[in-house]
Protein backbone atom coordinates (compact mmCIF):
# COMPACT_ATOMS: atom_id res chain seq x y z
CA MET A 1 12.50 -13.04 12.30
CA ARG A 2 10.16 -10.28 13.22
CA LYS A 3 6.99 -11.50 11.78
CA ILE A 4 3.87 -9.86 13.14
CA SER A 5 0.63 -12.14 13.37
CA LEU A 6 -2.26 -10.79 11.48
CA THR A 7 -5.86 -11.79 11.65
CA GLU A 8 -7.70 -13.31 8.75
CA ALA A 9 -9.44 -9.97 8.15
CA GLU A 10 -6.19 -8.09 8.13
CA VAL A 11 -4.64 -10.48 5.69
CA ASP A 12 -7.58 -10.15 3.40
CA PHE A 13 -7.55 -6.39 3.49
CA THR A 14 -3.78 -6.35 2.91
CA GLU A 15 -4.05 -8.57 -0.11
CA ARG A 16 -7.00 -6.61 -1.49
CA MET A 17 -5.15 -3.45 -1.14
CA GLY A 18 -2.29 -4.95 -3.04
CA ILE A 19 -4.59 -5.91 -5.93
CA ASN A 20 -6.09 -2.39 -5.95
CA ALA A 21 -2.54 -0.85 -6.08
CA GLU A 22 -1.76 -3.16 -8.96
CA ALA A 23 -4.87 -2.09 -10.81
CA ASP A 24 -3.87 1.55 -10.32
CA GLY A 25 -0.43 0.88 -11.91
CA GLN A 26 1.51 0.45 -8.75
CA ALA A 27 3.40 -2.66 -7.53
CA ARG A 28 1.09 -5.00 -5.50
CA ILE A 29 3.56 -4.72 -2.58
CA THR A 30 3.03 -0.96 -2.34
CA GLY A 31 -0.62 -1.55 -1.55
CA ARG A 32 0.20 -4.24 0.86
CA ILE A 33 2.62 -2.23 2.76
CA TRP A 34 0.21 0.69 3.06
CA ALA A 35 -2.44 -1.67 4.20
CA LEU A 36 -0.28 -3.29 6.81
CA LEU A 37 0.70 0.09 8.26
CA MET A 38 -3.00 1.08 8.27
CA VAL A 39 -4.30 -2.03 10.08
CA LEU A 40 -1.58 -2.27 12.61
CA ALA A 41 -1.77 1.42 13.35
CA ARG A 42 1.83 1.62 14.58
CA ASP A 43 5.30 2.27 13.18
CA LEU A 44 7.18 -0.55 11.69
CA THR A 45 10.70 -1.28 10.64
CA SER A 46 11.42 -2.42 7.07
CA ALA A 47 12.44 -5.84 8.50
CA GLU A 48 9.11 -6.21 10.26
CA ILE A 49 7.22 -5.32 7.12
CA ALA A 50 9.32 -7.79 4.97
CA ASP A 51 8.97 -10.59 7.41
CA THR A 52 5.31 -9.98 7.94
CA LEU A 53 4.43 -9.82 4.29
CA MET A 54 7.02 -12.47 3.40
CA VAL A 55 8.69 -10.41 0.69
CA SER A 56 12.34 -9.42 0.13
CA ARG A 57 13.79 -6.44 2.05
CA GLY A 58 14.82 -4.92 -1.26
CA SER A 59 11.28 -4.91 -2.51
CA VAL A 60 10.10 -3.34 0.75
CA SER A 61 12.70 -0.69 0.52
CA THR A 62 11.84 0.37 -2.93
CA ASN A 63 8.14 0.49 -2.22
CA LEU A 64 8.62 2.29 1.07
CA ARG A 65 10.35 5.01 -1.00
CA MET A 66 7.30 5.10 -3.36
CA LEU A 67 4.90 5.50 -0.45
CA GLU A 68 7.10 8.26 0.99
CA ASN A 69 7.21 10.14 -2.28
CA LEU A 70 3.40 9.90 -2.32
CA LYS A 71 3.45 11.38 1.11
CA ILE A 72 1.37 8.39 2.44
CA ILE A 73 3.97 7.35 4.94
CA GLU A 74 6.96 8.88 6.62
CA ARG A 75 10.29 7.81 8.28
CA ARG A 76 10.60 8.14 11.93
CA SER A 77 13.38 7.48 14.45
CA ARG A 78 13.28 6.72 18.09
CA PRO A 79 15.69 8.23 20.55
CA GLY A 80 18.56 5.78 21.31
CA GLU A 81 17.62 3.38 18.56
CA ARG A 82 19.57 2.97 15.26
CA GLU A 83 16.56 1.52 13.32
CA ILE A 84 14.31 3.51 11.01
CA TYR A 85 10.59 3.14 11.47
CA PHE A 86 7.77 3.77 9.00
CA GLY A 87 4.28 4.97 9.79
CA MET A 88 1.37 6.71 8.19
CA CYS A 89 1.67 10.46 7.57
CA PRO A 90 -0.82 12.47 9.64
CA HIS A 91 -2.86 13.52 6.57
CA PRO A 92 -2.18 10.96 3.77
CA TYR A 93 -5.48 11.53 1.91
CA SER A 94 -5.15 15.33 1.64
CA ALA A 95 -1.62 14.80 0.28
CA LEU A 96 -2.90 12.34 -2.37
CA ILE A 97 -5.58 14.79 -3.41
CA GLU A 98 -3.11 17.70 -3.63
CA GLN A 99 -1.12 15.44 -6.01
CA PHE A 100 -4.10 14.86 -8.21
CA ILE A 101 -4.83 18.54 -8.34
CA GLU A 102 -1.31 19.20 -9.48
CA ARG A 103 -1.35 16.52 -11.99
CA PHE A 104 -4.67 17.68 -13.49
CA ALA A 105 -3.40 21.40 -13.47
CA ASN A 106 -0.19 20.21 -15.39
CA HIS A 107 -2.26 18.27 -17.95
CA ARG A 108 -4.62 21.23 -18.35
CA ARG A 109 -1.71 23.66 -18.95
CA MET A 110 -0.19 21.31 -21.50
CA VAL A 111 -3.22 20.99 -23.38
CA GLU A 112 -3.78 24.74 -23.49
CA THR A 113 -0.29 25.36 -24.72
CA ALA A 114 -0.74 22.68 -27.48
CA ALA A 115 -4.19 24.40 -28.41
CA GLU A 116 -2.32 27.54 -29.08
CA ARG A 117 -0.31 25.87 -31.77
CA ILE A 118 -3.11 23.89 -33.49
CA ASP A 119 -4.49 25.55 -36.63
CA ARG A 120 -7.49 23.09 -37.25
CA ASP A 121 -10.71 24.48 -35.76
CA ALA A 122 -12.03 21.05 -34.88
CA GLY A 123 -8.70 20.14 -33.24
CA ARG A 124 -8.71 23.33 -31.15
CA GLU A 125 -12.31 22.53 -30.12
CA ASN A 126 -11.29 19.04 -29.00
CA LEU A 127 -8.37 20.41 -27.08
CA ALA A 128 -10.65 23.03 -25.45
CA ASN A 129 -12.96 20.33 -24.35
CA LEU A 130 -10.21 18.31 -22.77
CA SER A 131 -8.80 21.38 -21.12
CA ARG A 132 -12.22 22.01 -19.59
CA PHE A 133 -12.35 18.39 -18.50
CA TYR A 134 -9.06 18.74 -16.57
CA GLU A 135 -10.32 22.11 -15.05
CA ILE A 136 -13.43 20.22 -13.85
CA LEU A 137 -11.22 17.55 -12.30
CA GLU A 138 -9.14 20.16 -10.61
CA GLN A 139 -12.15 21.81 -9.18
CA GLY A 140 -13.69 18.64 -8.07
CA HIS A 141 -10.57 17.61 -6.27
CA ARG A 142 -10.20 21.02 -4.60
CA ALA A 143 -13.70 20.59 -3.28
CA MET A 144 -12.78 17.14 -1.98
CA LEU A 145 -9.66 18.60 -0.40
CA ASP A 146 -11.73 21.25 1.37
CA GLU A 147 -14.15 18.56 2.61
CA ILE A 148 -11.24 16.38 4.06
CA MET A 149 -9.53 19.35 5.69
CA THR A 150 -12.65 20.52 7.40
CA ALA A 151 -13.43 16.98 8.56
CA ASP A 152 -9.88 16.20 9.62
CA PRO A 153 -8.98 17.40 13.15
């Protein structure tokens, strides 16, 4: 067993991040893994993560892939070792913001395409308002990205 001891505060944060992830439509374990990697601030194997969080290795594997796809964590290897380690990406928050920007841009484009085919004036007006909403979200997230990138060394 490769269980890592956590303080009460670390356990509490890990559990709260799990609840937040669940509220955002992710699996609770996704948030717990992310939190664990943050508080320990070092690379961990999937076995260490599973043992520490007391969850199945299959669940850890699935959710590690999810976090990798979100560009929050990355795989790492060590010379001479066969195990794969997982750690925080250098700029996970900028990667998340970039994903939001892309998502809002895609939504905006879809709405604009639909608006071209809608004949009702009131319907086109509603779609124009929704398109503007997505445009504002894109702009706001671009400003956040600029802020993070200038603050990040």
